[in-house]
C-alpha atoms as a PDB file:
ATOM      1  CA  MET A   1       0.000   0.000   0.000  1.00  0.00           C
ATOM      2  CA  MET A   2       2.836   2.344   0.921  1.00  0.00           C
ATOM      3  CA  SER A   3       4.681   1.705  -2.339  1.00  0.00           C
ATOM      4  CA  LEU A   4       1.490   2.400  -4.289  1.00  0.00           C
ATOM      5  CA  LYS A   5       1.045   5.657  -2.366  1.00  0.00           C
ATOM      6  CA  LEU A   6       4.602   6.689  -3.155  1.00  0.00           C
ATOM      7  CA  LEU A   7       4.130   5.763  -6.809  1.00  0.00           C
ATOM      8  CA  PHE A   8       1.216   8.157  -7.234  1.00  0.00           C
ATOM      9  CA  ARG A   9       3.157  10.920  -5.513  1.00  0.00           C
ATOM     10  CA  SER A  10       6.089  10.481  -7.844  1.00  0.00           C
ATOM     11  CA  SER A  11       6.591  12.187 -11.191  1.00  0.00           C
ATOM     12  CA  LEU A  12       6.069   8.874 -12.987  1.00  0.00           C
ATOM     13  CA  GLY A  13       2.906   8.216 -10.987  1.00  0.00           C
ATOM     14  CA  ARG A  14       1.459  11.609 -11.827  1.00  0.00           C
ATOM     15  CA  LYS A  15       2.213  11.104 -15.517  1.00  0.00           C
ATOM     16  CA  LEU A  16       0.600   7.658 -15.380  1.00  0.00           C
ATOM     17  CA  ILE A  17      -2.571   9.083 -13.841  1.00  0.00           C
ATOM     18  CA  MET A  18      -2.667  11.779 -16.492  1.00  0.00           C
ATOM     19  CA  SER A  19      -2.196   9.154 -19.194  1.00  0.00           C
ATOM     20  CA  MET A  20      -5.010   6.907 -17.963  1.00  0.00           C
ATOM     21  CA  THR A  21      -7.474   9.741 -17.429  1.00  0.00           C
ATOM     22  CA  GLY A  22      -6.424  11.263 -20.767  1.00  0.00           C
ATOM     23  CA  LEU A  23      -7.110   8.049 -22.673  1.00  0.00           C
ATOM     24  CA  PHE A  24     -10.480   7.743 -20.935  1.00  0.00           C
ATOM     25  CA  LEU A  25     -11.308  11.292 -22.043  1.00  0.00           C
ATOM     26  CA  CYS A  26     -10.290  10.352 -25.598  1.00  0.00           C
ATOM     27  CA  LEU A  27     -12.817   7.521 -25.476  1.00  0.00           C
ATOM     28  CA  PHE A  28     -15.448   9.963 -24.241  1.00  0.00           C
ATOM     29  CA  LEU A  29     -14.718  12.274 -27.181  1.00  0.00           C
ATOM     30  CA  ILE A  30     -15.621   9.507 -29.615  1.00  0.00           C
ATOM     31  CA  VAL A  31     -18.920   8.764 -27.846  1.00  0.00           C
ATOM     32  CA  HIS A  32     -19.738  12.457 -27.462  1.00  0.00           C
ATOM     33  CA  LEU A  33     -19.016  13.154 -31.119  1.00  0.00           C
ATOM     34  CA  GLY A  34     -21.217  10.272 -32.219  1.00  0.00           C
ATOM     35  CA  GLY A  35     -24.135  11.652 -30.228  1.00  0.00           C
ATOM     36  CA  ASN A  36     -23.570  15.239 -31.305  1.00  0.00           C
ATOM     37  CA  LEU A  37     -23.534  14.304 -34.982  1.00  0.00           C
ATOM     38  CA  THR A  38     -27.268  13.611 -34.629  1.00  0.00           C
ATOM     39  CA  LEU A  39     -27.570  17.403 -34.796  1.00  0.00           C
ATOM     40  CA  PHE A  40     -27.257  16.867 -38.557  1.00  0.00           C
ATOM     41  CA  ALA A  41     -30.073  14.310 -38.715  1.00  0.00           C
ATOM     42  CA  GLY A  42     -32.347  16.842 -40.431  1.00  0.00           C
ATOM     43  CA  ASP A  43     -35.334  16.088 -38.169  1.00  0.00           C
ATOM     44  CA  GLU A  44     -35.627  19.412 -36.315  1.00  0.00           C
ATOM     45  CA  GLY A  45     -33.731  18.068 -33.332  1.00  0.00           C
ATOM     46  CA  TYR A  46     -35.885  14.969 -32.705  1.00  0.00           C
ATOM     47  CA  THR A  47     -33.008  12.452 -32.657  1.00  0.00           C
ATOM     48  CA  PHE A  48     -30.686  14.796 -30.765  1.00  0.00           C
ATOM     49  CA  ASN A  49     -33.287  15.581 -28.101  1.00  0.00           C
ATOM     50  CA  ILE A  50     -34.018  11.884 -27.602  1.00  0.00           C
ATOM     51  CA  TYR A  51     -30.270  11.256 -27.316  1.00  0.00           C
ATOM     52  CA  ALA A  52     -29.891  14.091 -24.778  1.00  0.00           C
ATOM     53  CA  HIS A  53     -32.720  12.720 -22.641  1.00  0.00           C
ATOM     54  CA  PHE A  54     -31.243   9.224 -22.702  1.00  0.00           C
ATOM     55  CA  MET A  55     -27.756  10.468 -21.783  1.00  0.00           C
ATOM     56  CA  THR A  56     -29.062  12.390 -18.778  1.00  0.00           C
ATOM     57  CA  HIS A  57     -31.586   9.872 -17.441  1.00  0.00           C
ATOM     58  CA  PHE A  58     -30.170   6.370 -18.031  1.00  0.00           C
ATOM     59  CA  PRO A  59     -28.477   5.406 -14.697  1.00  0.00           C
ATOM     60  CA  PRO A  60     -25.352   3.682 -16.127  1.00  0.00           C
ATOM     61  CA  VAL A  61     -24.727   6.673 -18.400  1.00  0.00           C
ATOM     62  CA  THR A  62     -25.297   9.058 -15.502  1.00  0.00           C
ATOM     63  CA  PHE A  63     -22.728   7.144 -13.446  1.00  0.00           C
ATOM     64  CA  ALA A  64     -20.265   7.238 -16.366  1.00  0.00           C
ATOM     65  CA  GLY A  65     -20.861  10.984 -16.522  1.00  0.00           C
ATOM     66  CA  TYR A  66     -19.751  11.426 -12.919  1.00  0.00           C
ATOM     67  CA  VAL A  67     -16.672   9.313 -13.638  1.00  0.00           C
ATOM     68  CA  LEU A  68     -16.002  11.650 -16.555  1.00  0.00           C
ATOM     69  CA  TYR A  69     -16.240  14.778 -14.397  1.00  0.00           C
ATOM     70  CA  VAL A  70     -13.898  13.288 -11.810  1.00  0.00           C
ATOM     71  CA  SER A  71     -11.470  12.265 -14.565  1.00  0.00           C
ATOM     72  CA  ILE A  72     -11.426  15.808 -15.966  1.00  0.00           C
ATOM     73  CA  LEU A  73     -10.685  17.268 -12.542  1.00  0.00           C
ATOM     74  CA  ILE A  74      -7.979  14.690 -11.770  1.00  0.00           C
ATOM     75  CA  HIS A  75      -6.380  15.143 -15.187  1.00  0.00           C
ATOM     76  CA  ALA A  76      -6.374  18.931 -14.786  1.00  0.00           C
ATOM     77  CA  TRP A  77      -5.081  18.834 -11.210  1.00  0.00           C
ATOM     78  CA  TYR A  78      -2.176  16.502 -11.915  1.00  0.00           C
ATOM     79  CA  ALA A  79      -1.318  18.504 -15.027  1.00  0.00           C
ATOM     80  CA  ILE A  80      -1.057  21.645 -12.887  1.00  0.00           C
ATOM     81  CA  VAL A  81       1.034  19.860 -10.253  1.00  0.00           C
ATOM     82  CA  GLN A  82       3.366  18.391 -12.859  1.00  0.00           C
ATOM     83  CA  THR A  83       3.792  21.721 -14.661  1.00  0.00           C
ATOM     84  CA  VAL A  84       4.574  23.579 -11.418  1.00  0.00           C
ATOM     85  CA  ARG A  85       7.070  20.932 -10.278  1.00  0.00           C
ATOM     86  CA  ASN A  86       8.805  20.922 -13.667  1.00  0.00           C
ATOM     87  CA  ARG A  87       9.263  24.698 -13.548  1.00  0.00           C
ATOM     88  CA  LYS A  88      10.557  24.576  -9.974  1.00  0.00           C
ATOM     89  CA  ALA A  89      13.018  21.862 -10.945  1.00  0.00           C
ATOM     90  CA  ARG A  90      14.339  24.005 -13.817  1.00  0.00           C
ATOM     91  CA  PRO A  91      13.777  27.679 -12.907  1.00  0.00           C
ATOM     92  CA  VAL A  92      16.465  28.851 -15.359  1.00  0.00           C
ATOM     93  CA  LYS A  93      16.491  27.936 -19.045  1.00  0.00           C
ATOM     94  CA  TYR A  94      19.361  25.928 -20.414  1.00  0.00           C
ATOM     95  CA  ALA A  95      22.328  28.046 -21.600  1.00  0.00           C
ATOM     96  CA  VAL A  96      22.564  25.875 -24.709  1.00  0.00           C
ATOM     97  CA  PRO A  97      19.144  24.932 -26.150  1.00  0.00           C
ATOM     98  CA  SER A  98      18.575  21.258 -26.848  1.00  0.00           C
ATOM     99  CA  LYS A  99      18.840  20.270 -30.493  1.00  0.00           C
ATOM    100  CA  ALA A 100      16.273  17.517 -30.047  1.00  0.00           C
ATOM    101  CA  LYS A 101      13.101  18.067 -32.060  1.00  0.00           C
ATOM    102  CA  VAL A 102      10.313  19.011 -29.683  1.00  0.00           C
ATOM    103  CA  SER A 103       6.857  19.924 -30.957  1.00  0.00           C
ATOM    104  CA  TRP A 104       5.197  23.199 -30.007  1.00  0.00           C
ATOM    105  CA  ALA A 105       2.301  21.197 -28.544  1.00  0.00           C
ATOM    106  CA  SER A 106       4.561  19.274 -26.146  1.00  0.00           C
ATOM    107  CA  LEU A 107       6.102  22.544 -24.892  1.00  0.00           C
ATOM    108  CA  ASN A 108       2.697  24.154 -24.304  1.00  0.00           C
ATOM    109  CA  MET A 109       0.543  21.331 -22.938  1.00  0.00           C
ATOM    110  CA  GLY A 110      -0.168  23.357 -19.798  1.00  0.00           C
ATOM    111  CA  LEU A 111      -1.421  26.334 -21.790  1.00  0.00           C
ATOM    112  CA  LEU A 112      -3.483  24.157 -24.102  1.00  0.00           C
ATOM    113  CA  GLY A 113      -4.967  22.268 -21.169  1.00  0.00           C
ATOM    114  CA  SER A 114      -5.899  25.524 -19.419  1.00  0.00           C
ATOM    115  CA  ILE A 115      -7.702  26.782 -22.535  1.00  0.00           C
ATOM    116  CA  ILE A 116      -9.599  23.510 -22.869  1.00  0.00           C
ATOM    117  CA  PHE A 117     -10.550  23.442 -19.178  1.00  0.00           C
ATOM    118  CA  LEU A 118     -11.867  27.014 -19.317  1.00  0.00           C
ATOM    119  CA  PHE A 119     -13.856  26.144 -22.430  1.00  0.00           C
ATOM    120  CA  LEU A 120     -15.323  23.061 -20.725  1.00  0.00           C
ATOM    121  CA  VAL A 121     -16.551  25.166 -17.807  1.00  0.00           C
ATOM    122  CA  ILE A 122     -18.269  27.615 -20.169  1.00  0.00           C
ATOM    123  CA  HIS A 123     -19.538  24.864 -22.470  1.00  0.00           C
ATOM    124  CA  MET A 124     -21.009  22.673 -19.723  1.00  0.00           C
ATOM    125  CA  THR A 125     -22.577  25.645 -17.967  1.00  0.00           C
ATOM    126  CA  ASN A 126     -24.222  26.772 -21.190  1.00  0.00           C
ATOM    127  CA  PHE A 127     -25.482  23.382 -22.368  1.00  0.00           C
ATOM    128  CA  TRP A 128     -25.575  20.782 -19.584  1.00  0.00           C
ATOM    129  CA  GLY A 129     -26.275  23.357 -16.850  1.00  0.00           C
ATOM    130  CA  ARG A 130     -29.131  25.042 -18.693  1.00  0.00           C
ATOM    131  CA  TYR A 131     -30.576  21.698 -19.777  1.00  0.00           C
ATOM    132  CA  LYS A 132     -30.503  20.135 -16.299  1.00  0.00           C
ATOM    133  CA  PHE A 133     -31.169  23.045 -13.980  1.00  0.00           C
ATOM    134  CA  THR A 134     -33.475  25.430 -15.834  1.00  0.00           C
ATOM    135  CA  GLU A 135     -37.084  24.978 -16.848  1.00  0.00           C
ATOM    136  CA  GLY A 136     -36.189  25.356 -20.521  1.00  0.00           C
ATOM    137  CA  THR A 137     -38.572  24.648 -23.367  1.00  0.00           C
ATOM    138  CA  TYR A 138     -40.099  21.428 -24.650  1.00  0.00           C
ATOM    139  CA  ARG A 139     -40.893  20.152 -28.133  1.00  0.00           C
ATOM    140  CA  GLU A 140     -43.743  17.940 -29.240  1.00  0.00           C
ATOM    141  CA  TYR A 141     -42.986  15.708 -32.226  1.00  0.00           C
ATOM    142  CA  ARG A 142     -45.920  14.066 -34.034  1.00  0.00           C
ATOM    143  CA  THR A 143     -45.025  11.290 -36.468  1.00  0.00           C
ATOM    144  CA  ASP A 144     -47.549   9.628 -38.757  1.00  0.00           C
ATOM    145  CA  LEU A 145     -46.327   6.029 -38.690  1.00  0.00           C
ATOM    146  CA  LEU A 146     -48.045   5.259 -41.993  1.00  0.00           C
ATOM    147  CA  THR A 147     -46.494   8.055 -44.023  1.00  0.00           C
ATOM    148  CA  GLY A 148     -43.437   8.912 -41.909  1.00  0.00           C
ATOM    149  CA  ASN A 149     -44.383  12.596 -41.933  1.00  0.00           C
ATOM    150  CA  MET A 150     -43.275  14.490 -38.836  1.00  0.00           C
ATOM    151  CA  THR A 151     -44.368  17.826 -37.434  1.00  0.00           C
ATOM    152  CA  ASN A 152     -43.109  19.583 -34.329  1.00  0.00           C
ATOM    153  CA  THR A 153     -44.336  22.393 -32.133  1.00  0.00           C
ATOM    154  CA  GLN A 154     -43.435  23.881 -28.783  1.00  0.00           C
ATOM    155  CA  TYR A 155     -44.968  22.010 -25.868  1.00  0.00           C
ATOM    156  CA  ILE A 156     -45.855  23.502 -22.488  1.00  0.00           C
ATOM    157  CA  PRO A 157     -45.938  20.836 -19.744  1.00  0.00           C
ATOM    158  CA  LYS A 158     -48.938  20.802 -17.452  1.00  0.00           C
ATOM    159  CA  SER A 159     -46.829  19.545 -14.567  1.00  0.00           C
ATOM    160  CA  PRO A 160     -43.550  21.041 -13.288  1.00  0.00           C
ATOM    161  CA  ASP A 161     -42.259  17.483 -12.832  1.00  0.00           C
ATOM    162  CA  PHE A 162     -42.700  16.581 -16.487  1.00  0.00           C
ATOM    163  CA  GLU A 163     -39.614  15.042 -18.151  1.00  0.00           C
ATOM    164  CA  TYR A 164     -40.515  12.932 -21.159  1.00  0.00           C
ATOM    165  CA  ALA A 165     -43.533  11.162 -22.651  1.00  0.00           C
ATOM    166  CA  VAL A 166     -44.409   8.952 -25.608  1.00  0.00           C
ATOM    167  CA  THR A 167     -48.075   8.420 -26.476  1.00  0.00           C
ATOM    168  CA  MET A 168     -50.147   7.267 -29.441  1.00  0.00           C
ATOM    169  CA  GLU A 169     -53.175   8.820 -31.132  1.00  0.00           C
ATOM    170  CA  GLY A 170     -54.343   6.403 -33.781  1.00  0.00           C
ATOM    171  CA  ASN A 171     -51.432   6.012 -36.207  1.00  0.00           C
ATOM    172  CA  THR A 172     -49.643   9.060 -34.818  1.00  0.00           C
ATOM    173  CA  GLU A 173     -46.764   8.722 -32.364  1.00  0.00           C
ATOM    174  CA  ILE A 174     -46.398  11.729 -30.059  1.00  0.00           C
ATOM    175  CA  VAL A 175     -43.078  12.398 -28.338  1.00  0.00           C
ATOM    176  CA  ARG A 176     -42.726  15.228 -25.853  1.00  0.00           C
ATOM    177  CA  VAL A 177     -39.175  15.992 -24.721  1.00  0.00           C
ATOM    178  CA  LYS A 178     -37.007  18.811 -23.370  1.00  0.00           C
ATOM    179  CA  ASP A 179     -35.470  20.867 -26.157  1.00  0.00           C
ATOM    180  CA  LEU A 180     -31.668  20.884 -25.943  1.00  0.00           C
ATOM    181  CA  TYR A 181     -31.591  21.313 -29.719  1.00  0.00           C
ATOM    182  CA  GLY A 182     -33.092  24.763 -29.234  1.00  0.00           C
ATOM    183  CA  ILE A 183     -30.312  25.710 -26.813  1.00  0.00           C
ATOM    184  CA  VAL A 184     -27.714  24.521 -29.329  1.00  0.00           C
ATOM    185  CA  THR A 185     -29.329  26.479 -32.152  1.00  0.00           C
ATOM    186  CA  GLU A 186     -29.467  29.623 -30.022  1.00  0.00           C
ATOM    187  CA  SER A 187     -25.855  29.300 -28.822  1.00  0.00           C
ATOM    188  CA  PHE A 188     -24.418  28.634 -32.267  1.00  0.00           C
ATOM    189  CA  SER A 189     -26.181  31.669 -33.696  1.00  0.00           C
ATOM    190  CA  MET A 190     -23.875  33.889 -31.593  1.00  0.00           C
ATOM    191  CA  LEU A 191     -20.637  34.696 -33.402  1.00  0.00           C
ATOM    192  CA  TRP A 192     -18.575  35.123 -30.221  1.00  0.00           C
ATOM    193  CA  TYR A 193     -19.530  31.649 -29.034  1.00  0.00           C
ATOM    194  CA  VAL A 194     -18.732  30.111 -32.418  1.00  0.00           C
ATOM    195  CA  ILE A 195     -15.288  31.752 -32.380  1.00  0.00           C
ATOM    196  CA  LEU A 196     -14.694  30.542 -28.806  1.00  0.00           C
ATOM    197  CA  TYR A 197     -15.714  27.014 -29.829  1.00  0.00           C
ATOM    198  CA  LEU A 198     -13.419  26.989 -32.857  1.00  0.00           C
ATOM    199  CA  PHE A 199     -10.508  28.354 -30.803  1.00  0.00           C
ATOM    200  CA  ALA A 200     -11.072  25.600 -28.238  1.00  0.00           C
ATOM    201  CA  MET A 201     -11.090  22.941 -30.966  1.00  0.00           C
ATOM    202  CA  VAL A 202      -7.706  24.187 -32.195  1.00  0.00           C
ATOM    203  CA  ALA A 203      -6.428  23.799 -28.625  1.00  0.00           C
ATOM    204  CA  VAL A 204      -7.947  20.300 -28.435  1.00  0.00           C
ATOM    205  CA  SER A 205      -6.245  19.370 -31.699  1.00  0.00           C
ATOM    206  CA  TYR A 206      -2.783  20.413 -30.543  1.00  0.00           C
ATOM    207  CA  HIS A 207      -3.339  18.916 -27.088  1.00  0.00           C
ATOM    208  CA  LEU A 208      -4.284  15.531 -28.541  1.00  0.00           C
ATOM    209  CA  TYR A 209      -1.525  15.688 -31.156  1.00  0.00           C
ATOM    210  CA  HIS A 210       1.021  15.290 -28.389  1.00  0.00           C
ATOM    211  CA  GLY A 211      -1.072  13.873 -25.560  1.00  0.00           C
ATOM    212  CA  PHE A 212      -2.449  10.753 -27.255  1.00  0.00           C
ATOM    213  CA  GLN A 213       0.932   9.371 -28.265  1.00  0.00           C
ATOM    214  CA  SER A 214       2.550  10.475 -25.003  1.00  0.00           C
ATOM    215  CA  ALA A 215      -0.095   8.592 -22.990  1.00  0.00           C
ATOM    216  CA  PHE A 216       0.816   5.301 -24.669  1.00  0.00           C
ATOM    217  CA  GLN A 217       4.504   5.893 -24.074  1.00  0.00           C
ATOM    218  CA  THR A 218       3.995   6.736 -20.389  1.00  0.00           C
ATOM    219  CA  ALA A 219       1.815   3.658 -19.870  1.00  0.00           C
ATOM    220  CA  GLY A 220       4.512   1.496 -21.447  1.00  0.00           C
ATOM    221  CA  TRP A 221       2.301   0.443 -24.320  1.00  0.00           C
ATOM    222  CA  ALA A 222       4.505   1.889 -27.042  1.00  0.00           C
ATOM    223  CA  HIS A 223       6.158  -0.725 -29.246  1.00  0.00           C
ATOM    224  CA  ARG A 224       7.857  -0.339 -32.597  1.00  0.00           C
ATOM    225  CA  LYS A 225       5.305  -2.717 -34.120  1.00  0.00           C
ATOM    226  CA  TYR A 226       2.454  -0.410 -33.135  1.00  0.00           C
ATOM    227  CA  THR A 227       4.140   3.000 -33.197  1.00  0.00           C
ATOM    228  CA  SER A 228       2.879   3.827 -36.684  1.00  0.00           C
ATOM    229  CA  ILE A 229      -0.696   2.835 -35.746  1.00  0.00           C
ATOM    230  CA  ILE A 230      -0.624   4.885 -32.536  1.00  0.00           C
ATOM    231  CA  ARG A 231       0.832   7.863 -34.371  1.00  0.00           C
ATOM    232  CA  PHE A 232      -1.707   7.632 -37.205  1.00  0.00           C
ATOM    233  CA  THR A 233      -4.592   7.374 -34.713  1.00  0.00           C
ATOM    234  CA  GLY A 234      -3.283  10.211 -32.595  1.00  0.00           C
ATOM    235  CA  VAL A 235      -2.614  12.556 -35.496  1.00  0.00           C
ATOM    236  CA  TRP A 236      -5.397  11.857 -37.987  1.00  0.00           C
ATOM    237  CA  ILE A 237      -8.236  10.563 -35.808  1.00  0.00           C
ATOM    238  CA  PHE A 238      -7.843  12.588 -32.615  1.00  0.00           C
ATOM    239  CA  ALA A 239      -5.892  15.663 -33.727  1.00  0.00           C
ATOM    240  CA  VAL A 240      -7.613  16.181 -37.095  1.00  0.00           C
ATOM    241  CA  ILE A 241     -10.881  14.346 -37.731  1.00  0.00           C
ATOM    242  CA  ILE A 242     -12.475  14.654 -34.282  1.00  0.00           C
ATOM    243  CA  PRO A 243     -11.727  18.393 -33.739  1.00  0.00           C
ATOM    244  CA  VAL A 244     -12.792  19.219 -37.309  1.00  0.00           C
ATOM    245  CA  ALA A 245     -16.033  17.248 -36.875  1.00  0.00           C
ATOM    246  CA  PHE A 246     -16.810  19.094 -33.647  1.00  0.00           C
ATOM    247  CA  ALA A 247     -15.909  22.425 -35.252  1.00  0.00           C
ATOM    248  CA  SER A 248     -18.278  21.779 -38.158  1.00  0.00           C
ATOM    249  CA  MET A 249     -21.297  21.969 -35.836  1.00  0.00           C
ATOM    250  CA  PRO A 250     -21.094  25.632 -34.762  1.00  0.00           C
ATOM    251  CA  VAL A 251     -20.031  26.637 -38.266  1.00  0.00           C
ATOM    252  CA  VAL A 252     -23.016  24.960 -39.943  1.00  0.00           C
ATOM    253  CA  PHE A 253     -25.527  26.226 -37.384  1.00  0.00           C
ATOM    254  CA  TYR A 254     -24.157  29.776 -37.529  1.00  0.00           C
ATOM    255  CA  ILE A 255     -24.393  29.837 -41.322  1.00  0.00           C
ATOM    256  CA  ARG A 256     -27.959  28.547 -41.082  1.00  0.00           C
ATOM    257  CA  SER A 257     -28.837  31.337 -38.638  1.00  0.00           C
ATOM    258  CA  LEU A 258     -27.838  33.916 -41.244  1.00  0.00           C
ATOM    259  CA  PHE A 259     -30.529  32.830 -43.701  1.00  0.00           C
END
């Protein structure tokens, strides 16, 4: 027990914790992106609103959400501790700069992480906070099961405890659900928020460019047989495709708001 305690107080232990929580957050990004892409379903937010309700009311997902929040805090805390200790250990820059190739991202992980953390606070307050802790608005979706035609209108619950309901009227399915899609549409119509989102995605890209590969190395999972696969995944999947996919959402919604 004592050796384990010392391990997690050591520099290697802190890096290992950051690696494990970082890889878990990478997994979350994939899941989160998959859900958010339903914004492009072209059904006036029906699929996205159903997804949002499921993600905030299904107990296993709720539990995973709390694990996520704890992971973010742990990752951020150990990053701060490691950065501070590194600067204390080398308060004066080397007289002769190292000739080893070091990426800009690796030299500025603390800055990038701080930008991302600040964005997460704003982002979660604006979306998750408003969705969970404000009355908000509700949508009613009516789908004719014979023709597939769907209409939607604003719905005003008769009870303050109302969350979600699915009923049938003849061949018509009626779904009443809280409208997170409306919050997204409103937020992404504001230019300042779109710019903030895009800036954060640039930070995420650079952070993952170095962080994904570094996590495998710290965990001891790097091997010459798999180095090319890890690098390809880290660069193209996490540092390019995922940030660009996230960035496409505010851009598309902002352009739509102009017309």
